[in-house]
Amino acid sequence: MQIGIPERQTHDYVRHGTTTLFAALDIATGQVTGICKPRHRHQEFLVFLKHVAHAYPGEELHLVMDNYSTPEKQEVRDWLADNPRITVHYLAAGVGAFVGRHREMLVGKRQQP
């Protein structure tokens, strides 16, 4: 490998030890609800949605997500339609990094004990 030139990958390259993290942050408490899955498809995303819905039974939920395409799958849209207490809000491309860097400013600084 040369300095300044990225290493190429072969056609049979497999990334070992990687996973997908699906996580939800409760901004009122700071609690994170999440699951790790080996793949990043709509089936895994649907499992995550059900996990979050189970973690917060009966509560109105607002999920703020980046422009990840998985929620556009019909199976996910059907599940969301059957669960009206869950509302999905999509961020424009590139906004996720801004929100991550400025979260405290956007949701208010926590009171120190």
PDB file of N, CA and C in Angstrom:
ATOM      1  N   MET A   1       0.845  -1.176   0.000  1.00  0.00           N
ATOM      2  CA  MET A   1       0.000   0.000   0.000  1.00  0.00           C
ATOM      3  C   MET A   1       0.891   1.242   0.000  1.00  0.00           C
ATOM      4  N   GLN A   2       0.547   2.217  -0.828  1.00  0.00           N
ATOM      5  CA  GLN A   2       1.314   3.451  -0.918  1.00  0.00           C
ATOM      6  C   GLN A   2       0.622   4.555  -0.125  1.00  0.00           C
ATOM      7  N   ILE A   3       1.422   5.473   0.378  1.00  0.00           N
ATOM      8  CA  ILE A   3       0.875   6.596   1.138  1.00  0.00           C
ATOM      9  C   ILE A   3      -0.020   7.434   0.231  1.00  0.00           C
ATOM     10  N   GLY A   4      -1.225   7.739   0.721  1.00  0.00           N
ATOM     11  CA  GLY A   4      -2.162   8.567  -0.029  1.00  0.00           C
ATOM     12  C   GLY A   4      -3.025   7.818  -1.026  1.00  0.00           C
ATOM     13  N   ILE A   5      -2.777   6.525  -1.198  1.00  0.00           N
ATOM     14  CA  ILE A   5      -3.575   5.723  -2.130  1.00  0.00           C
ATOM     15  C   ILE A   5      -4.273   4.629  -1.329  1.00  0.00           C
ATOM     16  N   PRO A   6      -5.619   4.587  -1.360  1.00  0.00           N
ATOM     17  CA  PRO A   6      -6.330   3.572  -0.579  1.00  0.00           C
ATOM     18  C   PRO A   6      -6.068   2.172  -1.121  1.00  0.00           C
ATOM     19  N   GLU A   7      -6.029   1.212  -0.216  1.00  0.00           N
ATOM     20  CA  GLU A   7      -5.824  -0.169  -0.601  1.00  0.00           C
ATOM     21  C   GLU A   7      -7.066  -0.684  -1.331  1.00  0.00           C
ATOM     22  N   ARG A   8      -6.870  -1.432  -2.374  1.00  0.00           N
ATOM     23  CA  ARG A   8      -7.975  -2.007  -3.155  1.00  0.00           C
ATOM     24  C   ARG A   8      -8.478  -3.283  -2.487  1.00  0.00           C
ATOM     25  N   GLN A   9      -9.730  -3.628  -2.775  1.00  0.00           N
ATOM     26  CA  GLN A   9     -10.303  -4.848  -2.230  1.00  0.00           C
ATOM     27  C   GLN A   9     -10.536  -5.835  -3.361  1.00  0.00           C
ATOM     28  N   THR A  10     -10.333  -7.106  -3.061  1.00  0.00           N
ATOM     29  CA  THR A  10     -10.569  -8.138  -4.061  1.00  0.00           C
ATOM     30  C   THR A  10     -12.052  -8.486  -4.103  1.00  0.00           C
ATOM     31  N   HIS A  11     -12.453  -9.192  -5.155  1.00  0.00           N
ATOM     32  CA  HIS A  11     -13.865  -9.555  -5.318  1.00  0.00           C
ATOM     33  C   HIS A  11     -14.366 -10.482  -4.216  1.00  0.00           C
ATOM     34  N   ASP A  12     -13.473 -11.207  -3.556  1.00  0.00           N
ATOM     35  CA  ASP A  12     -13.886 -12.147  -2.514  1.00  0.00           C
ATOM     36  C   ASP A  12     -13.634 -11.615  -1.095  1.00  0.00           C
ATOM     37  N   TYR A  13     -13.421 -10.309  -0.982  1.00  0.00           N
ATOM     38  CA  TYR A  13     -13.163  -9.684   0.321  1.00  0.00           C
ATOM     39  C   TYR A  13     -14.409  -9.771   1.196  1.00  0.00           C
ATOM     40  N   VAL A  14     -14.223 -10.171   2.444  1.00  0.00           N
ATOM     41  CA  VAL A  14     -15.315 -10.257   3.413  1.00  0.00           C
ATOM     42  C   VAL A  14     -14.888  -9.493   4.660  1.00  0.00           C
ATOM     43  N   ARG A  15     -15.739  -8.579   5.118  1.00  0.00           N
ATOM     44  CA  ARG A  15     -15.432  -7.830   6.338  1.00  0.00           C
ATOM     45  C   ARG A  15     -15.841  -8.667   7.537  1.00  0.00           C
ATOM     46  N   HIS A  16     -14.880  -9.159   8.259  1.00  0.00           N
ATOM     47  CA  HIS A  16     -15.151  -9.964   9.444  1.00  0.00           C
ATOM     48  C   HIS A  16     -15.307  -9.051  10.659  1.00  0.00           C
ATOM     49  N   GLY A  17     -16.235  -9.399  11.513  1.00  0.00           N
ATOM     50  CA  GLY A  17     -16.388  -8.658  12.755  1.00  0.00           C
ATOM     51  C   GLY A  17     -17.160  -7.359  12.631  1.00  0.00           C
ATOM     52  N   THR A  18     -17.882  -7.155  11.549  1.00  0.00           N
ATOM     53  CA  THR A  18     -18.682  -5.943  11.424  1.00  0.00           C
ATOM     54  C   THR A  18     -20.135  -6.258  11.749  1.00  0.00           C
ATOM     55  N   THR A  19     -20.855  -5.248  12.144  1.00  0.00           N
ATOM     56  CA  THR A  19     -22.263  -5.417  12.483  1.00  0.00           C
ATOM     57  C   THR A  19     -22.996  -4.115  12.200  1.00  0.00           C
ATOM     58  N   THR A  20     -24.303  -4.175  12.231  1.00  0.00           N
ATOM     59  CA  THR A  20     -25.132  -2.986  12.066  1.00  0.00           C
ATOM     60  C   THR A  20     -25.789  -2.677  13.401  1.00  0.00           C
ATOM     61  N   LEU A  21     -25.659  -1.438  13.838  1.00  0.00           N
ATOM     62  CA  LEU A  21     -26.296  -1.000  15.073  1.00  0.00           C
ATOM     63  C   LEU A  21     -27.517  -0.167  14.724  1.00  0.00           C
ATOM     64  N   PHE A  22     -28.672  -0.594  15.202  1.00  0.00           N
ATOM     65  CA  PHE A  22     -29.895   0.189  15.126  1.00  0.00           C
ATOM     66  C   PHE A  22     -30.131   0.704  16.540  1.00  0.00           C
ATOM     67  N   ALA A  23     -30.261   2.019  16.703  1.00  0.00           N
ATOM     68  CA  ALA A  23     -30.407   2.568  18.052  1.00  0.00           C
ATOM     69  C   ALA A  23     -31.386   3.727  18.069  1.00  0.00           C
ATOM     70  N   ALA A  24     -32.074   3.862  19.197  1.00  0.00           N
ATOM     71  CA  ALA A  24     -33.003   4.972  19.420  1.00  0.00           C
ATOM     72  C   ALA A  24     -32.610   5.648  20.725  1.00  0.00           C
ATOM     73  N   LEU A  25     -32.592   6.974  20.717  1.00  0.00           N
ATOM     74  CA  LEU A  25     -32.250   7.759  21.897  1.00  0.00           C
ATOM     75  C   LEU A  25     -33.505   8.422  22.438  1.00  0.00           C
ATOM     76  N   ASP A  26     -33.794   8.168  23.703  1.00  0.00           N
ATOM     77  CA  ASP A  26     -34.879   8.863  24.393  1.00  0.00           C
ATOM     78  C   ASP A  26     -34.282  10.164  24.906  1.00  0.00           C
ATOM     79  N   ILE A  27     -34.590  11.282  24.249  1.00  0.00           N
ATOM     80  CA  ILE A  27     -33.936  12.542  24.604  1.00  0.00           C
ATOM     81  C   ILE A  27     -34.376  13.066  25.966  1.00  0.00           C
ATOM     82  N   ALA A  28     -35.488  12.574  26.485  1.00  0.00           N
ATOM     83  CA  ALA A  28     -35.937  13.016  27.807  1.00  0.00           C
ATOM     84  C   ALA A  28     -35.109  12.389  28.927  1.00  0.00           C
ATOM     85  N   THR A  29     -34.669  11.143  28.732  1.00  0.00           N
ATOM     86  CA  THR A  29     -33.947  10.433  29.790  1.00  0.00           C
ATOM     87  C   THR A  29     -32.495  10.148  29.445  1.00  0.00           C
ATOM     88  N   GLY A  30     -32.158  10.211  28.171  1.00  0.00           N
ATOM     89  CA  GLY A  30     -30.808   9.861  27.732  1.00  0.00           C
ATOM     90  C   GLY A  30     -30.619   8.372  27.531  1.00  0.00           C
ATOM     91  N   GLN A  31     -31.670   7.584  27.722  1.00  0.00           N
ATOM     92  CA  GLN A  31     -31.578   6.133  27.571  1.00  0.00           C
ATOM     93  C   GLN A  31     -31.522   5.761  26.095  1.00  0.00           C
ATOM     94  N   VAL A  32     -30.653   4.807  25.781  1.00  0.00           N
ATOM     95  CA  VAL A  32     -30.521   4.320  24.412  1.00  0.00           C
ATOM     96  C   VAL A  32     -31.112   2.919  24.345  1.00  0.00           C
ATOM     97  N   THR A  33     -31.971   2.689  23.367  1.00  0.00           N
ATOM     98  CA  THR A  33     -32.534   1.376  23.101  1.00  0.00           C
ATOM     99  C   THR A  33     -31.998   0.943  21.755  1.00  0.00           C
ATOM    100  N   GLY A  34     -31.338  -0.187  21.705  1.00  0.00           N
ATOM    101  CA  GLY A  34     -30.756  -0.593  20.435  1.00  0.00           C
ATOM    102  C   GLY A  34     -30.560  -2.085  20.316  1.00  0.00           C
ATOM    103  N   ILE A  35     -30.300  -2.499  19.095  1.00  0.00           N
ATOM    104  CA  ILE A  35     -29.974  -3.890  18.803  1.00  0.00           C
ATOM    105  C   ILE A  35     -28.906  -3.909  17.711  1.00  0.00           C
ATOM    106  N   CYS A  36     -28.101  -4.955  17.718  1.00  0.00           N
ATOM    107  CA  CYS A  36     -27.095  -5.160  16.671  1.00  0.00           C
ATOM    108  C   CYS A  36     -27.540  -6.324  15.801  1.00  0.00           C
ATOM    109  N   LYS A  37     -27.374  -6.164  14.513  1.00  0.00           N
ATOM    110  CA  LYS A  37     -27.741  -7.199  13.555  1.00  0.00           C
ATOM    111  C   LYS A  37     -26.596  -7.375  12.561  1.00  0.00           C
ATOM    112  N   PRO A  38     -26.440  -8.569  12.025  1.00  0.00           N
ATOM    113  CA  PRO A  38     -25.342  -8.800  11.084  1.00  0.00           C
ATOM    114  C   PRO A  38     -25.561  -8.163   9.716  1.00  0.00           C
ATOM    115  N   ARG A  39     -26.805  -7.829   9.400  1.00  0.00           N
ATOM    116  CA  ARG A  39     -27.099  -7.251   8.084  1.00  0.00           C
ATOM    117  C   ARG A  39     -27.865  -5.948   8.246  1.00  0.00           C
ATOM    118  N   HIS A  40     -27.994  -5.222   7.139  1.00  0.00           N
ATOM    119  CA  HIS A  40     -28.560  -3.866   7.133  1.00  0.00           C
ATOM    120  C   HIS A  40     -29.694  -3.810   6.101  1.00  0.00           C
ATOM    121  N   ARG A  41     -30.747  -4.597   6.354  1.00  0.00           N
ATOM    122  CA  ARG A  41     -31.854  -4.689   5.404  1.00  0.00           C
ATOM    123  C   ARG A  41     -33.156  -4.289   6.087  1.00  0.00           C
ATOM    124  N   HIS A  42     -34.240  -4.255   5.298  1.00  0.00           N
ATOM    125  CA  HIS A  42     -35.518  -3.856   5.883  1.00  0.00           C
ATOM    126  C   HIS A  42     -36.015  -4.871   6.910  1.00  0.00           C
ATOM    127  N   GLN A  43     -35.662  -6.145   6.764  1.00  0.00           N
ATOM    128  CA  GLN A  43     -36.096  -7.146   7.736  1.00  0.00           C
ATOM    129  C   GLN A  43     -35.515  -6.844   9.122  1.00  0.00           C
ATOM    130  N   GLU A  44     -34.234  -6.484   9.167  1.00  0.00           N
ATOM    131  CA  GLU A  44     -33.605  -6.149  10.438  1.00  0.00           C
ATOM    132  C   GLU A  44     -34.153  -4.835  10.991  1.00  0.00           C
ATOM    133  N   PHE A  45     -34.421  -3.893  10.107  1.00  0.00           N
ATOM    134  CA  PHE A  45     -34.984  -2.620  10.543  1.00  0.00           C
ATOM    135  C   PHE A  45     -36.370  -2.823  11.153  1.00  0.00           C
ATOM    136  N   LEU A  46     -37.149  -3.709  10.580  1.00  0.00           N
ATOM    137  CA  LEU A  46     -38.481  -4.007  11.112  1.00  0.00           C
ATOM    138  C   LEU A  46     -38.383  -4.651  12.501  1.00  0.00           C
ATOM    139  N   VAL A  47     -37.409  -5.524  12.697  1.00  0.00           N
ATOM    140  CA  VAL A  47     -37.177  -6.104  14.029  1.00  0.00           C
ATOM    141  C   VAL A  47     -36.851  -4.989  15.023  1.00  0.00           C
ATOM    142  N   PHE A  48     -36.033  -4.023  14.600  1.00  0.00           N
ATOM    143  CA  PHE A  48     -35.686  -2.889  15.461  1.00  0.00           C
ATOM    144  C   PHE A  48     -36.924  -2.064  15.809  1.00  0.00           C
ATOM    145  N   LEU A  49     -37.770  -1.772  14.829  1.00  0.00           N
ATOM    146  CA  LEU A  49     -38.989  -1.004  15.097  1.00  0.00           C
ATOM    147  C   LEU A  49     -39.861  -1.708  16.130  1.00  0.00           C
ATOM    148  N   LYS A  50     -40.012  -3.013  15.981  1.00  0.00           N
ATOM    149  CA  LYS A  50     -40.815  -3.780  16.937  1.00  0.00           C
ATOM    150  C   LYS A  50     -40.172  -3.761  18.325  1.00  0.00           C
ATOM    151  N   HIS A  51     -38.846  -3.804  18.358  1.00  0.00           N
ATOM    152  CA  HIS A  51     -38.105  -3.750  19.624  1.00  0.00           C
ATOM    153  C   HIS A  51     -38.354  -2.417  20.338  1.00  0.00           C
ATOM    154  N   VAL A  52     -38.283  -1.319  19.603  1.00  0.00           N
ATOM    155  CA  VAL A  52     -38.519   0.007  20.188  1.00  0.00           C
ATOM    156  C   VAL A  52     -39.976   0.140  20.633  1.00  0.00           C
ATOM    157  N   ALA A  53     -40.904  -0.328  19.813  1.00  0.00           N
ATOM    158  CA  ALA A  53     -42.323  -0.255  20.171  1.00  0.00           C
ATOM    159  C   ALA A  53     -42.600  -1.042  21.450  1.00  0.00           C
ATOM    160  N   HIS A  54     -41.948  -2.186  21.600  1.00  0.00           N
ATOM    161  CA  HIS A  54     -42.124  -3.003  22.804  1.00  0.00           C
ATOM    162  C   HIS A  54     -41.490  -2.328  24.026  1.00  0.00           C
ATOM    163  N   ALA A  55     -40.375  -1.628  23.818  1.00  0.00           N
ATOM    164  CA  ALA A  55     -39.679  -0.959  24.926  1.00  0.00           C
ATOM    165  C   ALA A  55     -40.469   0.230  25.469  1.00  0.00           C
ATOM    166  N   TYR A  56     -41.326   0.820  24.625  1.00  0.00           N
ATOM    167  CA  TYR A  56     -42.122   1.994  25.023  1.00  0.00           C
ATOM    168  C   TYR A  56     -43.599   1.729  24.728  1.00  0.00           C
ATOM    169  N   PRO A  57     -44.213   0.790  25.455  1.00  0.00           N
ATOM    170  CA  PRO A  57     -45.605   0.430  25.163  1.00  0.00           C
ATOM    171  C   PRO A  57     -46.567   1.580  25.439  1.00  0.00           C
ATOM    172  N   GLY A  58     -47.480   1.792  24.511  1.00  0.00           N
ATOM    173  CA  GLY A  58     -48.528   2.787  24.696  1.00  0.00           C
ATOM    174  C   GLY A  58     -48.106   4.229  24.538  1.00  0.00           C
ATOM    175  N   GLU A  59     -46.827   4.496  24.323  1.00  0.00           N
ATOM    176  CA  GLU A  59     -46.369   5.879  24.190  1.00  0.00           C
ATOM    177  C   GLU A  59     -46.323   6.294  22.726  1.00  0.00           C
ATOM    178  N   GLU A  60     -46.571   7.567  22.500  1.00  0.00           N
ATOM    179  CA  GLU A  60     -46.416   8.122  21.158  1.00  0.00           C
ATOM    180  C   GLU A  60     -44.919   8.263  20.895  1.00  0.00           C
ATOM    181  N   LEU A  61     -44.463   7.736  19.775  1.00  0.00           N
ATOM    182  CA  LEU A  61     -43.036   7.756  19.453  1.00  0.00           C
ATOM    183  C   LEU A  61     -42.790   8.544  18.175  1.00  0.00           C
ATOM    184  N   HIS A  62     -41.736   9.336  18.188  1.00  0.00           N
ATOM    185  CA  HIS A  62     -41.305  10.068  16.998  1.00  0.00           C
ATOM    186  C   HIS A  62     -39.886   9.629  16.687  1.00  0.00           C
ATOM    187  N   LEU A  63     -39.715   8.989  15.543  1.00  0.00           N
ATOM    188  CA  LEU A  63     -38.403   8.513  15.125  1.00  0.00           C
ATOM    189  C   LEU A  63     -37.841   9.480  14.098  1.00  0.00           C
ATOM    190  N   VAL A  64     -36.693  10.048  14.401  1.00  0.00           N
ATOM    191  CA  VAL A  64     -36.019  10.959  13.479  1.00  0.00           C
ATOM    192  C   VAL A  64     -34.897  10.164  12.837  1.00  0.00           C
ATOM    193  N   MET A  65     -34.968  10.009  11.509  1.00  0.00           N
ATOM    194  CA  MET A  65     -34.020   9.140  10.813  1.00  0.00           C
ATOM    195  C   MET A  65     -33.367   9.864   9.648  1.00  0.00           C
ATOM    196  N   ASP A  66     -32.203   9.347   9.271  1.00  0.00           N
ATOM    197  CA  ASP A  66     -31.525   9.894   8.101  1.00  0.00           C
ATOM    198  C   ASP A  66     -32.217   9.369   6.842  1.00  0.00           C
ATOM    199  N   ASN A  67     -31.622   9.585   5.709  1.00  0.00           N
ATOM    200  CA  ASN A  67     -32.262   9.213   4.449  1.00  0.00           C
ATOM    201  C   ASN A  67     -31.992   7.763   4.064  1.00  0.00           C
ATOM    202  N   TYR A  68     -31.937   6.897   5.032  1.00  0.00           N
ATOM    203  CA  TYR A  68     -31.765   5.461   4.859  1.00  0.00           C
ATOM    204  C   TYR A  68     -32.989   4.920   4.116  1.00  0.00           C
ATOM    205  N   SER A  69     -32.792   4.118   3.078  1.00  0.00           N
ATOM    206  CA  SER A  69     -33.898   3.725   2.194  1.00  0.00           C
ATOM    207  C   SER A  69     -34.769   2.602   2.734  1.00  0.00           C
ATOM    208  N   THR A  70     -34.339   1.883   3.748  1.00  0.00           N
ATOM    209  CA  THR A  70     -35.091   0.744   4.262  1.00  0.00           C
ATOM    210  C   THR A  70     -36.534   1.068   4.635  1.00  0.00           C
ATOM    211  N   PRO A  71     -36.839   2.211   5.267  1.00  0.00           N
ATOM    212  CA  PRO A  71     -38.241   2.493   5.612  1.00  0.00           C
ATOM    213  C   PRO A  71     -39.165   2.610   4.405  1.00  0.00           C
ATOM    214  N   GLU A  72     -38.616   2.701   3.213  1.00  0.00           N
ATOM    215  CA  GLU A  72     -39.444   2.809   2.017  1.00  0.00           C
ATOM    216  C   GLU A  72     -39.985   1.461   1.549  1.00  0.00           C
ATOM    217  N   LYS A  73     -39.492   0.366   2.087  1.00  0.00           N
ATOM    218  CA  LYS A  73     -39.978  -0.960   1.703  1.00  0.00           C
ATOM    219  C   LYS A  73     -41.435  -1.106   2.133  1.00  0.00           C
ATOM    220  N   GLN A  74     -42.217  -1.772   1.313  1.00  0.00           N
ATOM    221  CA  GLN A  74     -43.652  -1.899   1.555  1.00  0.00           C
ATOM    222  C   GLN A  74     -43.957  -2.568   2.891  1.00  0.00           C
ATOM    223  N   GLU A  75     -43.205  -3.587   3.252  1.00  0.00           N
ATOM    224  CA  GLU A  75     -43.452  -4.293   4.515  1.00  0.00           C
ATOM    225  C   GLU A  75     -43.281  -3.350   5.712  1.00  0.00           C
ATOM    226  N   VAL A  76     -42.282  -2.478   5.657  1.00  0.00           N
ATOM    227  CA  VAL A  76     -42.054  -1.508   6.734  1.00  0.00           C
ATOM    228  C   VAL A  76     -43.160  -0.457   6.733  1.00  0.00           C
ATOM    229  N   ARG A  77     -43.522   0.039   5.559  1.00  0.00           N
ATOM    230  CA  ARG A  77     -44.595   1.041   5.471  1.00  0.00           C
ATOM    231  C   ARG A  77     -45.910   0.476   5.986  1.00  0.00           C
ATOM    232  N   ASP A  78     -46.197  -0.783   5.668  1.00  0.00           N
ATOM    233  CA  ASP A  78     -47.425  -1.418   6.158  1.00  0.00           C
ATOM    234  C   ASP A  78     -47.414  -1.521   7.683  1.00  0.00           C
ATOM    235  N   TRP A  79     -46.270  -1.906   8.261  1.00  0.00           N
ATOM    236  CA  TRP A  79     -46.176  -2.026   9.714  1.00  0.00           C
ATOM    237  C   TRP A  79     -46.369  -0.665  10.369  1.00  0.00           C
ATOM    238  N   LEU A  80     -45.748   0.365   9.823  1.00  0.00           N
ATOM    239  CA  LEU A  80     -45.909   1.717  10.373  1.00  0.00           C
ATOM    240  C   LEU A  80     -47.358   2.189  10.260  1.00  0.00           C
ATOM    241  N   ALA A  81     -48.032   1.844   9.165  1.00  0.00           N
ATOM    242  CA  ALA A  81     -49.440   2.220   9.000  1.00  0.00           C
ATOM    243  C   ALA A  81     -50.314   1.526  10.046  1.00  0.00           C
ATOM    244  N   ASP A  82     -49.945   0.300  10.429  1.00  0.00           N
ATOM    245  CA  ASP A  82     -50.689  -0.445  11.447  1.00  0.00           C
ATOM    246  C   ASP A  82     -50.348   0.000  12.869  1.00  0.00           C
ATOM    247  N   ASN A  83     -49.335   0.845  13.010  1.00  0.00           N
ATOM    248  CA  ASN A  83     -48.894   1.334  14.319  1.00  0.00           C
ATOM    249  C   ASN A  83     -48.838   2.857  14.299  1.00  0.00           C
ATOM    250  N   PRO A  84     -50.003   3.511  14.309  1.00  0.00           N
ATOM    251  CA  PRO A  84     -50.050   4.969  14.140  1.00  0.00           C
ATOM    252  C   PRO A  84     -49.423   5.766  15.285  1.00  0.00           C
ATOM    253  N   ARG A  85     -49.125   5.145  16.416  1.00  0.00           N
ATOM    254  CA  ARG A  85     -48.478   5.878  17.502  1.00  0.00           C
ATOM    255  C   ARG A  85     -47.012   6.157  17.198  1.00  0.00           C
ATOM    256  N   ILE A  86     -46.496   5.550  16.117  1.00  0.00           N
ATOM    257  CA  ILE A  86     -45.107   5.756  15.715  1.00  0.00           C
ATOM    258  C   ILE A  86     -45.082   6.626  14.467  1.00  0.00           C
ATOM    259  N   THR A  87     -44.450   7.778  14.584  1.00  0.00           N
ATOM    260  CA  THR A  87     -44.326   8.711  13.465  1.00  0.00           C
ATOM    261  C   THR A  87     -42.860   8.798  13.071  1.00  0.00           C
ATOM    262  N   VAL A  88     -42.604   8.705  11.776  1.00  0.00           N
ATOM    263  CA  VAL A  88     -41.235   8.773  11.271  1.00  0.00           C
ATOM    264  C   VAL A  88     -41.007  10.137  10.641  1.00  0.00           C
ATOM    265  N   HIS A  89     -39.907  10.766  11.015  1.00  0.00           N
ATOM    266  CA  HIS A  89     -39.488  12.041  10.440  1.00  0.00           C
ATOM    267  C   HIS A  89     -38.144  11.802   9.766  1.00  0.00           C
ATOM    268  N   TYR A  90     -38.014  12.213   8.517  1.00  0.00           N
ATOM    269  CA  TYR A  90     -36.778  11.987   7.770  1.00  0.00           C
ATOM    270  C   TYR A  90     -35.943  13.259   7.711  1.00  0.00           C
ATOM    271  N   LEU A  91     -34.652  13.119   7.944  1.00  0.00           N
ATOM    272  CA  LEU A  91     -33.719  14.230   7.801  1.00  0.00           C
ATOM    273  C   LEU A  91     -33.270  14.318   6.349  1.00  0.00           C
ATOM    274  N   ALA A  92     -32.993  15.506   5.892  1.00  0.00           N
ATOM    275  CA  ALA A  92     -32.426  15.675   4.558  1.00  0.00           C
ATOM    276  C   ALA A  92     -31.004  15.117   4.563  1.00  0.00           C
ATOM    277  N   ALA A  93     -30.516  14.738   3.408  1.00  0.00           N
ATOM    278  CA  ALA A  93     -29.165  14.188   3.287  1.00  0.00           C
ATOM    279  C   ALA A  93     -28.150  15.163   3.877  1.00  0.00           C
ATOM    280  N   GLY A  94     -27.240  14.644   4.688  1.00  0.00           N
ATOM    281  CA  GLY A  94     -26.190  15.461   5.279  1.00  0.00           C
ATOM    282  C   GLY A  94     -26.549  16.121   6.589  1.00  0.00           C
ATOM    283  N   VAL A  95     -27.815  16.105   6.962  1.00  0.00           N
ATOM    284  CA  VAL A  95     -28.241  16.768   8.195  1.00  0.00           C
ATOM    285  C   VAL A  95     -27.891  15.926   9.422  1.00  0.00           C
ATOM    286  N   GLY A  96     -27.816  14.609   9.268  1.00  0.00           N
ATOM    287  CA  GLY A  96     -27.527  13.731  10.398  1.00  0.00           C
ATOM    288  C   GLY A  96     -26.240  14.085  11.114  1.00  0.00           C
ATOM    289  N   ALA A  97     -25.197  14.402  10.373  1.00  0.00           N
ATOM    290  CA  ALA A  97     -23.921  14.774  10.991  1.00  0.00           C
ATOM    291  C   ALA A  97     -24.069  16.070  11.778  1.00  0.00           C
ATOM    292  N   PHE A  98     -24.834  17.006  11.254  1.00  0.00           N
ATOM    293  CA  PHE A  98     -25.065  18.277  11.954  1.00  0.00           C
ATOM    294  C   PHE A  98     -25.801  18.030  13.264  1.00  0.00           C
ATOM    295  N   VAL A  99     -26.833  17.213  13.208  1.00  0.00           N
ATOM    296  CA  VAL A  99     -27.615  16.926  14.411  1.00  0.00           C
ATOM    297  C   VAL A  99     -26.737  16.247  15.452  1.00  0.00           C
ATOM    298  N   GLY A 100     -25.912  15.302  15.022  1.00  0.00           N
ATOM    299  CA  GLY A 100     -25.024  14.622  15.956  1.00  0.00           C
ATOM    300  C   GLY A 100     -24.085  15.577  16.659  1.00  0.00           C
ATOM    301  N   ARG A 101     -23.540  16.534  15.931  1.00  0.00           N
ATOM    302  CA  ARG A 101     -22.591  17.486  16.511  1.00  0.00           C
ATOM    303  C   ARG A 101     -23.271  18.533  17.386  1.00  0.00           C
ATOM    304  N   HIS A 102     -24.539  18.832  17.117  1.00  0.00           N
ATOM    305  CA  HIS A 102     -25.214  19.926  17.807  1.00  0.00           C
ATOM    306  C   HIS A 102     -26.428  19.469  18.616  1.00  0.00           C
ATOM    307  N   ARG A 103     -26.440  18.208  19.021  1.00  0.00           N
ATOM    308  CA  ARG A 103     -27.592  17.642  19.720  1.00  0.00           C
ATOM    309  C   ARG A 103     -27.941  18.431  20.976  1.00  0.00           C
ATOM    310  N   GLU A 104     -26.953  18.762  21.798  1.00  0.00           N
ATOM    311  CA  GLU A 104     -27.253  19.480  23.041  1.00  0.00           C
ATOM    312  C   GLU A 104     -27.894  20.831  22.766  1.00  0.00           C
ATOM    313  N   MET A 105     -27.428  21.502  21.734  1.00  0.00           N
ATOM    314  CA  MET A 105     -28.000  22.799  21.397  1.00  0.00           C
ATOM    315  C   MET A 105     -29.452  22.642  20.935  1.00  0.00           C
ATOM    316  N   LEU A 106     -29.731  21.568  20.183  1.00  0.00           N
ATOM    317  CA  LEU A 106     -31.057  21.381  19.613  1.00  0.00           C
ATOM    318  C   LEU A 106     -32.081  20.931  20.648  1.00  0.00           C
ATOM    319  N   VAL A 107     -31.681  20.104  21.607  1.00  0.00           N
ATOM    320  CA  VAL A 107     -32.643  19.577  22.578  1.00  0.00           C
ATOM    321  C   VAL A 107     -32.513  20.230  23.943  1.00  0.00           C
ATOM    322  N   GLY A 108     -31.564  21.119  24.109  1.00  0.00           N
ATOM    323  CA  GLY A 108     -31.378  21.795  25.394  1.00  0.00           C
ATOM    324  C   GLY A 108     -30.353  21.080  26.242  1.00  0.00           C
ATOM    325  N   LYS A 109     -29.541  21.839  26.914  1.00  0.00           N
ATOM    326  CA  LYS A 109     -28.520  21.238  27.783  1.00  0.00           C
ATOM    327  C   LYS A 109     -29.187  20.632  29.007  1.00  0.00           C
ATOM    328  N   ARG A 110     -28.663  19.490  29.430  1.00  0.00           N
ATOM    329  CA  ARG A 110     -29.187  18.817  30.618  1.00  0.00           C
ATOM    330  C   ARG A 110     -28.775  19.586  31.868  1.00  0.00           C
ATOM    331  N   GLN A 111     -29.637  19.532  32.851  1.00  0.00           N
ATOM    332  CA  GLN A 111     -29.316  20.146  34.140  1.00  0.00           C
ATOM    333  C   GLN A 111     -28.288  19.275  34.854  1.00  0.00           C
ATOM    334  N   GLN A 112     -27.256  19.883  35.400  1.00  0.00           N
ATOM    335  CA  GLN A 112     -26.251  19.146  36.165  1.00  0.00           C
ATOM    336  C   GLN A 112     -26.797  18.886  37.565  1.00  0.00           C
ATOM    337  N   PRO A 113     -26.601  17.670  38.112  1.00  0.00           N
ATOM    338  CA  PRO A 113     -27.118  17.360  39.464  1.00  0.00           C
ATOM    339  C   PRO A 113     -26.394  18.134  40.539  1.00  0.00           C
TER     340      PRO A 113
END
